[in-house]
Amino acid sequence: FGERMELLYEELCRGIAEYEERLVFCHGDYSVPNITIDGEAIGGFIDLADAGCSDPYRDFTAAHRSIVRNFGETYVPLFYAEYGIEPDEGKLRLYDLLEHFAY
């Protein structure tokens, strides 16, 4: 297991060197259970314990994973379409790796 973690850590370090972080306010755990809905719009957020400044991909990665877990992969493109972005798969991978090393 240690060798696998070392390889993942090396991948993480290469990714960090490749991307420039764009700092914005992030929820920190932007997942389906932490979003309240009011009609057809987001009504608010709960569990802001991990909120702070980070790259938006920190939240995009958490939301992506949560959408797949709660509704299936089919809804992921709709999520990004609503945000008006074409997701950067490399950055999603980077922030997914980062999440594994955060705890």
PDB file of N, CA and C in Angstrom:
ATOM      1  N   PHE A   1       0.832  -1.207   0.000  1.00  0.00           N
ATOM      2  CA  PHE A   1       0.000   0.000   0.000  1.00  0.00           C
ATOM      3  C   PHE A   1       0.865   1.256   0.000  1.00  0.00           C
ATOM      4  N   GLY A   2       1.997   1.212   0.702  1.00  0.00           N
ATOM      5  CA  GLY A   2       2.882   2.370   0.784  1.00  0.00           C
ATOM      6  C   GLY A   2       3.414   2.790  -0.564  1.00  0.00           C
ATOM      7  N   GLU A   3       3.760   1.824  -1.418  1.00  0.00           N
ATOM      8  CA  GLU A   3       4.282   2.141  -2.752  1.00  0.00           C
ATOM      9  C   GLU A   3       3.209   2.834  -3.594  1.00  0.00           C
ATOM     10  N   ARG A   4       1.994   2.366  -3.496  1.00  0.00           N
ATOM     11  CA  ARG A   4       0.873   2.977  -4.239  1.00  0.00           C
ATOM     12  C   ARG A   4       0.662   4.419  -3.789  1.00  0.00           C
ATOM     13  N   MET A   5       0.730   4.656  -2.486  1.00  0.00           N
ATOM     14  CA  MET A   5       0.579   6.020  -1.962  1.00  0.00           C
ATOM     15  C   MET A   5       1.710   6.918  -2.450  1.00  0.00           C
ATOM     16  N   GLU A   6       2.904   6.367  -2.519  1.00  0.00           N
ATOM     17  CA  GLU A   6       4.046   7.150  -3.001  1.00  0.00           C
ATOM     18  C   GLU A   6       3.846   7.555  -4.461  1.00  0.00           C
ATOM     19  N   LEU A   7       3.343   6.643  -5.278  1.00  0.00           N
ATOM     20  CA  LEU A   7       3.069   6.962  -6.679  1.00  0.00           C
ATOM     21  C   LEU A   7       1.975   8.028  -6.810  1.00  0.00           C
ATOM     22  N   LEU A   8       0.937   7.903  -5.996  1.00  0.00           N
ATOM     23  CA  LEU A   8      -0.131   8.907  -6.015  1.00  0.00           C
ATOM     24  C   LEU A   8       0.395  10.268  -5.565  1.00  0.00           C
ATOM     25  N   TYR A   9       1.262  10.257  -4.563  1.00  0.00           N
ATOM     26  CA  TYR A   9       1.851  11.507  -4.082  1.00  0.00           C
ATOM     27  C   TYR A   9       2.704  12.153  -5.172  1.00  0.00           C
ATOM     28  N   GLU A  10       3.472  11.365  -5.902  1.00  0.00           N
ATOM     29  CA  GLU A  10       4.274  11.891  -7.012  1.00  0.00           C
ATOM     30  C   GLU A  10       3.376  12.483  -8.093  1.00  0.00           C
ATOM     31  N   GLU A  11       2.274  11.805  -8.393  1.00  0.00           N
ATOM     32  CA  GLU A  11       1.310  12.325  -9.374  1.00  0.00           C
ATOM     33  C   GLU A  11       0.727  13.651  -8.894  1.00  0.00           C
ATOM     34  N   LEU A  12       0.402  13.730  -7.620  1.00  0.00           N
ATOM     35  CA  LEU A  12      -0.129  14.956  -7.030  1.00  0.00           C
ATOM     36  C   LEU A  12       0.881  16.090  -7.164  1.00  0.00           C
ATOM     37  N   CYS A  13       2.129  15.843  -6.853  1.00  0.00           N
ATOM     38  CA  CYS A  13       3.162  16.884  -6.939  1.00  0.00           C
ATOM     39  C   CYS A  13       3.345  17.372  -8.370  1.00  0.00           C
ATOM     40  N   ARG A  14       3.320  16.448  -9.341  1.00  0.00           N
ATOM     41  CA  ARG A  14       3.424  16.858 -10.750  1.00  0.00           C
ATOM     42  C   ARG A  14       2.237  17.733 -11.138  1.00  0.00           C
ATOM     43  N   GLY A  15       1.049  17.349 -10.685  1.00  0.00           N
ATOM     44  CA  GLY A  15      -0.158  18.116 -11.007  1.00  0.00           C
ATOM     45  C   GLY A  15      -0.133  19.502 -10.404  1.00  0.00           C
ATOM     46  N   ILE A  16       0.316  19.617  -9.172  1.00  0.00           N
ATOM     47  CA  ILE A  16       0.387  20.922  -8.513  1.00  0.00           C
ATOM     48  C   ILE A  16       1.323  21.843  -9.269  1.00  0.00           C
ATOM     49  N   ALA A  17       2.417  21.306  -9.784  1.00  0.00           N
ATOM     50  CA  ALA A  17       3.368  22.120 -10.543  1.00  0.00           C
ATOM     51  C   ALA A  17       2.780  22.578 -11.879  1.00  0.00           C
ATOM     52  N   GLU A  18       1.835  21.809 -12.409  1.00  0.00           N
ATOM     53  CA  GLU A  18       1.264  22.094 -13.732  1.00  0.00           C
ATOM     54  C   GLU A  18       0.188  23.178 -13.712  1.00  0.00           C
ATOM     55  N   TYR A  19      -0.572  23.271 -12.643  1.00  0.00           N
ATOM     56  CA  TYR A  19      -1.721  24.169 -12.607  1.00  0.00           C
ATOM     57  C   TYR A  19      -1.501  25.351 -11.676  1.00  0.00           C
ATOM     58  N   GLU A  20      -2.012  26.487 -12.102  1.00  0.00           N
ATOM     59  CA  GLU A  20      -2.020  27.661 -11.237  1.00  0.00           C
ATOM     60  C   GLU A  20      -3.367  27.705 -10.526  1.00  0.00           C
ATOM     61  N   GLU A  21      -3.318  27.902  -9.220  1.00  0.00           N
ATOM     62  CA  GLU A  21      -4.549  27.928  -8.441  1.00  0.00           C
ATOM     63  C   GLU A  21      -5.216  29.292  -8.574  1.00  0.00           C
ATOM     64  N   ARG A  22      -6.529  29.281  -8.795  1.00  0.00           N
ATOM     65  CA  ARG A  22      -7.331  30.503  -8.836  1.00  0.00           C
ATOM     66  C   ARG A  22      -8.136  30.525  -7.550  1.00  0.00           C
ATOM     67  N   LEU A  23      -7.820  31.445  -6.656  1.00  0.00           N
ATOM     68  CA  LEU A  23      -8.461  31.449  -5.349  1.00  0.00           C
ATOM     69  C   LEU A  23      -9.810  32.158  -5.358  1.00  0.00           C
ATOM     70  N   VAL A  24     -10.808  31.452  -4.866  1.00  0.00           N
ATOM     71  CA  VAL A  24     -12.159  31.978  -4.689  1.00  0.00           C
ATOM     72  C   VAL A  24     -12.677  31.414  -3.365  1.00  0.00           C
ATOM     73  N   PHE A  25     -13.823  31.892  -2.911  1.00  0.00           N
ATOM     74  CA  PHE A  25     -14.422  31.304  -1.715  1.00  0.00           C
ATOM     75  C   PHE A  25     -15.040  29.967  -2.097  1.00  0.00           C
ATOM     76  N   CYS A  26     -14.713  28.932  -1.354  1.00  0.00           N
ATOM     77  CA  CYS A  26     -15.229  27.588  -1.615  1.00  0.00           C
ATOM     78  C   CYS A  26     -15.932  27.038  -0.379  1.00  0.00           C
ATOM     79  N   HIS A  27     -16.904  26.190  -0.613  1.00  0.00           N
ATOM     80  CA  HIS A  27     -17.638  25.532   0.459  1.00  0.00           C
ATOM     81  C   HIS A  27     -16.731  24.569   1.219  1.00  0.00           C
ATOM     82  N   GLY A  28     -15.931  23.815   0.490  1.00  0.00           N
ATOM     83  CA  GLY A  28     -15.030  22.857   1.112  1.00  0.00           C
ATOM     84  C   GLY A  28     -15.561  21.434   1.144  1.00  0.00           C
ATOM     85  N   ASP A  29     -16.863  21.278   1.108  1.00  0.00           N
ATOM     86  CA  ASP A  29     -17.501  19.956   1.034  1.00  0.00           C
ATOM     87  C   ASP A  29     -18.799  20.122   0.240  1.00  0.00           C
ATOM     88  N   TYR A  30     -18.640  20.605  -0.972  1.00  0.00           N
ATOM     89  CA  TYR A  30     -19.766  20.937  -1.846  1.00  0.00           C
ATOM     90  C   TYR A  30     -20.381  19.651  -2.390  1.00  0.00           C
ATOM     91  N   SER A  31     -21.237  19.038  -1.580  1.00  0.00           N
ATOM     92  CA  SER A  31     -21.846  17.774  -1.953  1.00  0.00           C
ATOM     93  C   SER A  31     -23.363  17.874  -1.820  1.00  0.00           C
ATOM     94  N   VAL A  32     -24.044  16.946  -2.454  1.00  0.00           N
ATOM     95  CA  VAL A  32     -25.508  16.972  -2.499  1.00  0.00           C
ATOM     96  C   VAL A  32     -26.140  17.134  -1.111  1.00  0.00           C
ATOM     97  N   PRO A  33     -25.704  16.396  -0.085  1.00  0.00           N
ATOM     98  CA  PRO A  33     -26.350  16.554   1.224  1.00  0.00           C
ATOM     99  C   PRO A  33     -26.135  17.927   1.873  1.00  0.00           C
ATOM    100  N   ASN A  34     -25.184  18.706   1.380  1.00  0.00           N
ATOM    101  CA  ASN A  34     -24.888  20.007   1.978  1.00  0.00           C
ATOM    102  C   ASN A  34     -25.511  21.186   1.236  1.00  0.00           C
ATOM    103  N   ILE A  35     -26.406  20.895   0.310  1.00  0.00           N
ATOM    104  CA  ILE A  35     -27.057  21.943  -0.488  1.00  0.00           C
ATOM    105  C   ILE A  35     -28.556  21.892  -0.210  1.00  0.00           C
ATOM    106  N   THR A  36     -29.142  23.043   0.079  1.00  0.00           N
ATOM    107  CA  THR A  36     -30.598  23.093   0.225  1.00  0.00           C
ATOM    108  C   THR A  36     -31.184  23.674  -1.058  1.00  0.00           C
ATOM    109  N   ILE A  37     -32.327  23.169  -1.442  1.00  0.00           N
ATOM    110  CA  ILE A  37     -32.987  23.578  -2.682  1.00  0.00           C
ATOM    111  C   ILE A  37     -34.266  24.333  -2.345  1.00  0.00           C
ATOM    112  N   ASP A  38     -34.474  25.434  -3.046  1.00  0.00           N
ATOM    113  CA  ASP A  38     -35.683  26.242  -2.908  1.00  0.00           C
ATOM    114  C   ASP A  38     -36.322  26.324  -4.287  1.00  0.00           C
ATOM    115  N   GLY A  39     -37.327  25.497  -4.519  1.00  0.00           N
ATOM    116  CA  GLY A  39     -37.935  25.432  -5.852  1.00  0.00           C
ATOM    117  C   GLY A  39     -36.957  24.795  -6.826  1.00  0.00           C
ATOM    118  N   GLU A  40     -36.533  25.581  -7.828  1.00  0.00           N
ATOM    119  CA  GLU A  40     -35.580  25.080  -8.817  1.00  0.00           C
ATOM    120  C   GLU A  40     -34.216  25.726  -8.668  1.00  0.00           C
ATOM    121  N   ALA A  41     -33.964  26.359  -7.545  1.00  0.00           N
ATOM    122  CA  ALA A  41     -32.696  27.059  -7.332  1.00  0.00           C
ATOM    123  C   ALA A  41     -32.043  26.600  -6.031  1.00  0.00           C
ATOM    124  N   ILE A  42     -30.770  26.855  -5.936  1.00  0.00           N
ATOM    125  CA  ILE A  42     -30.064  26.589  -4.688  1.00  0.00           C
ATOM    126  C   ILE A  42     -30.570  27.580  -3.653  1.00  0.00           C
ATOM    127  N   GLY A  43     -31.012  27.073  -2.524  1.00  0.00           N
ATOM    128  CA  GLY A  43     -31.546  27.919  -1.456  1.00  0.00           C
ATOM    129  C   GLY A  43     -30.493  28.288  -0.426  1.00  0.00           C
ATOM    130  N   GLY A  44     -29.493  27.416  -0.263  1.00  0.00           N
ATOM    131  CA  GLY A  44     -28.445  27.680   0.710  1.00  0.00           C
ATOM    132  C   GLY A  44     -27.551  26.480   0.878  1.00  0.00           C
ATOM    133  N   PHE A  45     -26.642  26.598   1.836  1.00  0.00           N
ATOM    134  CA  PHE A  45     -25.665  25.550   2.091  1.00  0.00           C
ATOM    135  C   PHE A  45     -25.596  25.279   3.585  1.00  0.00           C
ATOM    136  N   ILE A  46     -25.276  24.058   3.930  1.00  0.00           N
ATOM    137  CA  ILE A  46     -25.046  23.713   5.329  1.00  0.00           C
ATOM    138  C   ILE A  46     -23.645  23.117   5.443  1.00  0.00           C
ATOM    139  N   ASP A  47     -23.182  22.933   6.662  1.00  0.00           N
ATOM    140  CA  ASP A  47     -21.880  22.341   6.963  1.00  0.00           C
ATOM    141  C   ASP A  47     -20.749  23.122   6.296  1.00  0.00           C
ATOM    142  N   LEU A  48     -20.531  24.314   6.792  1.00  0.00           N
ATOM    143  CA  LEU A  48     -19.484  25.180   6.240  1.00  0.00           C
ATOM    144  C   LEU A  48     -18.158  25.059   7.000  1.00  0.00           C
ATOM    145  N   ALA A  49     -17.962  23.966   7.708  1.00  0.00           N
ATOM    146  CA  ALA A  49     -16.757  23.797   8.529  1.00  0.00           C
ATOM    147  C   ALA A  49     -15.467  23.837   7.713  1.00  0.00           C
ATOM    148  N   ASP A  50     -15.505  23.399   6.446  1.00  0.00           N
ATOM    149  CA  ASP A  50     -14.306  23.384   5.604  1.00  0.00           C
ATOM    150  C   ASP A  50     -14.260  24.545   4.619  1.00  0.00           C
ATOM    151  N   ALA A  51     -15.117  25.542   4.800  1.00  0.00           N
ATOM    152  CA  ALA A  51     -15.164  26.682   3.882  1.00  0.00           C
ATOM    153  C   ALA A  51     -13.893  27.517   3.986  1.00  0.00           C
ATOM    154  N   GLY A  52     -13.550  28.148   2.870  1.00  0.00           N
ATOM    155  CA  GLY A  52     -12.373  29.010   2.838  1.00  0.00           C
ATOM    156  C   GLY A  52     -11.981  29.322   1.411  1.00  0.00           C
ATOM    157  N   CYS A  53     -10.790  29.839   1.222  1.00  0.00           N
ATOM    158  CA  CYS A  53     -10.293  30.193  -0.109  1.00  0.00           C
ATOM    159  C   CYS A  53      -9.578  29.008  -0.734  1.00  0.00           C
ATOM    160  N   SER A  54      -9.957  28.684  -1.946  1.00  0.00           N
ATOM    161  CA  SER A  54      -9.328  27.601  -2.692  1.00  0.00           C
ATOM    162  C   SER A  54      -9.693  27.767  -4.156  1.00  0.00           C
ATOM    163  N   ASP A  55      -9.164  26.893  -4.977  1.00  0.00           N
ATOM    164  CA  ASP A  55      -9.529  26.852  -6.386  1.00  0.00           C
ATOM    165  C   ASP A  55     -10.937  26.270  -6.503  1.00  0.00           C
ATOM    166  N   PRO A  56     -11.768  26.767  -7.422  1.00  0.00           N
ATOM    167  CA  PRO A  56     -13.129  26.231  -7.558  1.00  0.00           C
ATOM    168  C   PRO A  56     -13.160  24.728  -7.820  1.00  0.00           C
ATOM    169  N   TYR A  57     -12.074  24.183  -8.354  1.00  0.00           N
ATOM    170  CA  TYR A  57     -12.053  22.748  -8.624  1.00  0.00           C
ATOM    171  C   TYR A  57     -12.080  21.917  -7.349  1.00  0.00           C
ATOM    172  N   ARG A  58     -11.752  22.515  -6.238  1.00  0.00           N
ATOM    173  CA  ARG A  58     -11.911  21.790  -4.966  1.00  0.00           C
ATOM    174  C   ARG A  58     -13.390  21.455  -4.772  1.00  0.00           C
ATOM    175  N   ASP A  59     -14.257  22.440  -5.000  1.00  0.00           N
ATOM    176  CA  ASP A  59     -15.702  22.205  -4.875  1.00  0.00           C
ATOM    177  C   ASP A  59     -16.241  21.398  -6.044  1.00  0.00           C
ATOM    178  N   PHE A  60     -15.777  21.670  -7.260  1.00  0.00           N
ATOM    179  CA  PHE A  60     -16.259  20.920  -8.419  1.00  0.00           C
ATOM    180  C   PHE A  60     -15.989  19.429  -8.250  1.00  0.00           C
ATOM    181  N   THR A  61     -14.815  19.089  -7.736  1.00  0.00           N
ATOM    182  CA  THR A  61     -14.461  17.683  -7.554  1.00  0.00           C
ATOM    183  C   THR A  61     -15.374  17.014  -6.537  1.00  0.00           C
ATOM    184  N   ALA A  62     -15.621  17.690  -5.427  1.00  0.00           N
ATOM    185  CA  ALA A  62     -16.516  17.125  -4.400  1.00  0.00           C
ATOM    186  C   ALA A  62     -17.932  16.968  -4.949  1.00  0.00           C
ATOM    187  N   ALA A  63     -18.415  17.978  -5.659  1.00  0.00           N
ATOM    188  CA  ALA A  63     -19.760  17.913  -6.229  1.00  0.00           C
ATOM    189  C   ALA A  63     -19.854  16.794  -7.267  1.00  0.00           C
ATOM    190  N   HIS A  64     -18.862  16.694  -8.120  1.00  0.00           N
ATOM    191  CA  HIS A  64     -18.820  15.658  -9.155  1.00  0.00           C
ATOM    192  C   HIS A  64     -18.953  14.271  -8.511  1.00  0.00           C
ATOM    193  N   ARG A  65     -18.125  14.011  -7.515  1.00  0.00           N
ATOM    194  CA  ARG A  65     -18.136  12.728  -6.810  1.00  0.00           C
ATOM    195  C   ARG A  65     -19.494  12.487  -6.138  1.00  0.00           C
ATOM    196  N   SER A  66     -20.066  13.520  -5.545  1.00  0.00           N
ATOM    197  CA  SER A  66     -21.339  13.394  -4.846  1.00  0.00           C
ATOM    198  C   SER A  66     -22.501  13.150  -5.814  1.00  0.00           C
ATOM    199  N   ILE A  67     -22.472  13.813  -6.947  1.00  0.00           N
ATOM    200  CA  ILE A  67     -23.529  13.604  -7.947  1.00  0.00           C
ATOM    201  C   ILE A  67     -23.505  12.161  -8.438  1.00  0.00           C
ATOM    202  N   VAL A  68     -22.303  11.663  -8.729  1.00  0.00           N
ATOM    203  CA  VAL A  68     -22.185  10.265  -9.184  1.00  0.00           C
ATOM    204  C   VAL A  68     -22.704   9.315  -8.114  1.00  0.00           C
ATOM    205  N   ARG A  69     -22.313   9.549  -6.872  1.00  0.00           N
ATOM    206  CA  ARG A  69     -22.709   8.666  -5.764  1.00  0.00           C
ATOM    207  C   ARG A  69     -24.226   8.711  -5.517  1.00  0.00           C
ATOM    208  N   ASN A  70     -24.826   9.897  -5.621  1.00  0.00           N
ATOM    209  CA  ASN A  70     -26.245  10.057  -5.276  1.00  0.00           C
ATOM    210  C   ASN A  70     -27.208   9.864  -6.445  1.00  0.00           C
ATOM    211  N   PHE A  71     -26.771  10.209  -7.663  1.00  0.00           N
ATOM    212  CA  PHE A  71     -27.698  10.174  -8.807  1.00  0.00           C
ATOM    213  C   PHE A  71     -27.181   9.407 -10.016  1.00  0.00           C
ATOM    214  N   GLY A  72     -25.879   9.226 -10.108  1.00  0.00           N
ATOM    215  CA  GLY A  72     -25.294   8.551 -11.262  1.00  0.00           C
ATOM    216  C   GLY A  72     -24.552   9.521 -12.175  1.00  0.00           C
ATOM    217  N   GLU A  73     -23.690   8.966 -12.972  1.00  0.00           N
ATOM    218  CA  GLU A  73     -22.817   9.731 -13.879  1.00  0.00           C
ATOM    219  C   GLU A  73     -23.606  10.573 -14.885  1.00  0.00           C
ATOM    220  N   THR A  74     -24.831  10.161 -15.206  1.00  0.00           N
ATOM    221  CA  THR A  74     -25.654  10.837 -16.212  1.00  0.00           C
ATOM    222  C   THR A  74     -25.842  12.325 -15.911  1.00  0.00           C
ATOM    223  N   TYR A  75     -25.891  12.698 -14.637  1.00  0.00           N
ATOM    224  CA  TYR A  75     -26.192  14.082 -14.258  1.00  0.00           C
ATOM    225  C   TYR A  75     -24.967  14.990 -14.170  1.00  0.00           C
ATOM    226  N   VAL A  76     -23.778  14.427 -14.274  1.00  0.00           N
ATOM    227  CA  VAL A  76     -22.559  15.238 -14.160  1.00  0.00           C
ATOM    228  C   VAL A  76     -22.470  16.288 -15.273  1.00  0.00           C
ATOM    229  N   PRO A  77     -22.707  15.951 -16.558  1.00  0.00           N
ATOM    230  CA  PRO A  77     -22.632  16.984 -17.597  1.00  0.00           C
ATOM    231  C   PRO A  77     -23.610  18.145 -17.366  1.00  0.00           C
ATOM    232  N   LEU A  78     -24.795  17.855 -16.837  1.00  0.00           N
ATOM    233  CA  LEU A  78     -25.759  18.907 -16.536  1.00  0.00           C
ATOM    234  C   LEU A  78     -25.202  19.861 -15.481  1.00  0.00           C
ATOM    235  N   PHE A  79     -24.538  19.322 -14.457  1.00  0.00           N
ATOM    236  CA  PHE A  79     -23.921  20.141 -13.420  1.00  0.00           C
ATOM    237  C   PHE A  79     -22.943  21.145 -14.039  1.00  0.00           C
ATOM    238  N   TYR A  80     -22.053  20.671 -14.894  1.00  0.00           N
ATOM    239  CA  TYR A  80     -21.063  21.572 -15.504  1.00  0.00           C
ATOM    240  C   TYR A  80     -21.714  22.533 -16.505  1.00  0.00           C
ATOM    241  N   ALA A  81     -22.735  22.074 -17.204  1.00  0.00           N
ATOM    242  CA  ALA A  81     -23.448  22.957 -18.133  1.00  0.00           C
ATOM    243  C   ALA A  81     -24.089  24.114 -17.376  1.00  0.00           C
ATOM    244  N   GLU A  82     -24.667  23.832 -16.212  1.00  0.00           N
ATOM    245  CA  GLU A  82     -25.283  24.884 -15.396  1.00  0.00           C
ATOM    246  C   GLU A  82     -24.239  25.887 -14.900  1.00  0.00           C
ATOM    247  N   TYR A  83     -23.027  25.412 -14.651  1.00  0.00           N
ATOM    248  CA  TYR A  83     -21.933  26.311 -14.260  1.00  0.00           C
ATOM    249  C   TYR A  83     -21.340  27.033 -15.463  1.00  0.00           C
ATOM    250  N   GLY A  84     -21.656  26.545 -16.660  1.00  0.00           N
ATOM    251  CA  GLY A  84     -21.150  27.181 -17.876  1.00  0.00           C
ATOM    252  C   GLY A  84     -19.684  26.888 -18.139  1.00  0.00           C
ATOM    253  N   ILE A  85     -19.224  25.711 -17.707  1.00  0.00           N
ATOM    254  CA  ILE A  85     -17.821  25.365 -17.945  1.00  0.00           C
ATOM    255  C   ILE A  85     -17.698  23.993 -18.586  1.00  0.00           C
ATOM    256  N   GLU A  86     -16.613  23.813 -19.283  1.00  0.00           N
ATOM    257  CA  GLU A  86     -16.191  22.500 -19.758  1.00  0.00           C
ATOM    258  C   GLU A  86     -15.123  22.064 -18.759  1.00  0.00           C
ATOM    259  N   PRO A  87     -15.389  21.026 -17.962  1.00  0.00           N
ATOM    260  CA  PRO A  87     -14.462  20.690 -16.881  1.00  0.00           C
ATOM    261  C   PRO A  87     -13.082  20.266 -17.382  1.00  0.00           C
ATOM    262  N   ASP A  88     -12.065  20.671 -16.659  1.00  0.00           N
ATOM    263  CA  ASP A  88     -10.690  20.286 -16.930  1.00  0.00           C
ATOM    264  C   ASP A  88     -10.453  18.966 -16.186  1.00  0.00           C
ATOM    265  N   GLU A  89     -10.371  17.884 -16.932  1.00  0.00           N
ATOM    266  CA  GLU A  89     -10.244  16.551 -16.324  1.00  0.00           C
ATOM    267  C   GLU A  89      -8.960  16.424 -15.508  1.00  0.00           C
ATOM    268  N   GLY A  90      -7.903  17.078 -15.950  1.00  0.00           N
ATOM    269  CA  GLY A  90      -6.648  17.037 -15.199  1.00  0.00           C
ATOM    270  C   GLY A  90      -6.775  17.701 -13.841  1.00  0.00           C
ATOM    271  N   LYS A  91      -7.464  18.829 -13.812  1.00  0.00           N
ATOM    272  CA  LYS A  91      -7.659  19.519 -12.533  1.00  0.00           C
ATOM    273  C   LYS A  91      -8.605  18.744 -11.626  1.00  0.00           C
ATOM    274  N   LEU A  92      -9.607  18.103 -12.199  1.00  0.00           N
ATOM    275  CA  LEU A  92     -10.491  17.256 -11.390  1.00  0.00           C
ATOM    276  C   LEU A  92      -9.685  16.129 -10.740  1.00  0.00           C
ATOM    277  N   ARG A  93      -8.815  15.515 -11.509  1.00  0.00           N
ATOM    278  CA  ARG A  93      -7.968  14.432 -10.984  1.00  0.00           C
ATOM    279  C   ARG A  93      -7.054  14.963  -9.884  1.00  0.00           C
ATOM    280  N   LEU A  94      -6.459  16.131 -10.102  1.00  0.00           N
ATOM    281  CA  LEU A  94      -5.562  16.727  -9.118  1.00  0.00           C
ATOM    282  C   LEU A  94      -6.279  16.964  -7.789  1.00  0.00           C
ATOM    283  N   TYR A  95      -7.454  17.585  -7.836  1.00  0.00           N
ATOM    284  CA  TYR A  95      -8.171  17.881  -6.595  1.00  0.00           C
ATOM    285  C   TYR A  95      -8.766  16.630  -5.964  1.00  0.00           C
ATOM    286  N   ASP A  96      -9.046  15.610  -6.769  1.00  0.00           N
ATOM    287  CA  ASP A  96      -9.469  14.333  -6.206  1.00  0.00           C
ATOM    288  C   ASP A  96      -8.310  13.706  -5.429  1.00  0.00           C
ATOM    289  N   LEU A  97      -7.116  13.725  -6.001  1.00  0.00           N
ATOM    290  CA  LEU A  97      -5.941  13.221  -5.299  1.00  0.00           C
ATOM    291  C   LEU A  97      -5.673  14.010  -4.029  1.00  0.00           C
ATOM    292  N   LEU A  98      -5.762  15.328  -4.131  1.00  0.00           N
ATOM    293  CA  LEU A  98      -5.505  16.196  -2.991  1.00  0.00           C
ATOM    294  C   LEU A  98      -6.444  15.867  -1.830  1.00  0.00           C
ATOM    295  N   GLU A  99      -7.688  15.582  -2.160  1.00  0.00           N
ATOM    296  CA  GLU A  99      -8.672  15.240  -1.126  1.00  0.00           C
ATOM    297  C   GLU A  99      -8.258  13.982  -0.347  1.00  0.00           C
ATOM    298  N   HIS A 100      -7.662  13.029  -1.052  1.00  0.00           N
ATOM    299  CA  HIS A 100      -7.235  11.792  -0.401  1.00  0.00           C
ATOM    300  C   HIS A 100      -6.069  12.021   0.556  1.00  0.00           C
ATOM    301  N   PHE A 101      -5.271  13.020   0.289  1.00  0.00           N
ATOM    302  CA  PHE A 101      -4.126  13.293   1.158  1.00  0.00           C
ATOM    303  C   PHE A 101      -4.465  14.298   2.262  1.00  0.00           C
ATOM    304  N   ALA A 102      -5.646  14.889   2.202  1.00  0.00           N
ATOM    305  CA  ALA A 102      -6.020  15.908   3.187  1.00  0.00           C
ATOM    306  C   ALA A 102      -6.378  15.299   4.540  1.00  0.00           C
ATOM    307  N   TYR A 103      -6.769  14.057   4.558  1.00  0.00           N
ATOM    308  CA  TYR A 103      -7.229  13.471   5.820  1.00  0.00           C
ATOM    309  C   TYR A 103      -6.302  12.418   6.315  1.00  0.00           C
TER     310      TYR A 103
END
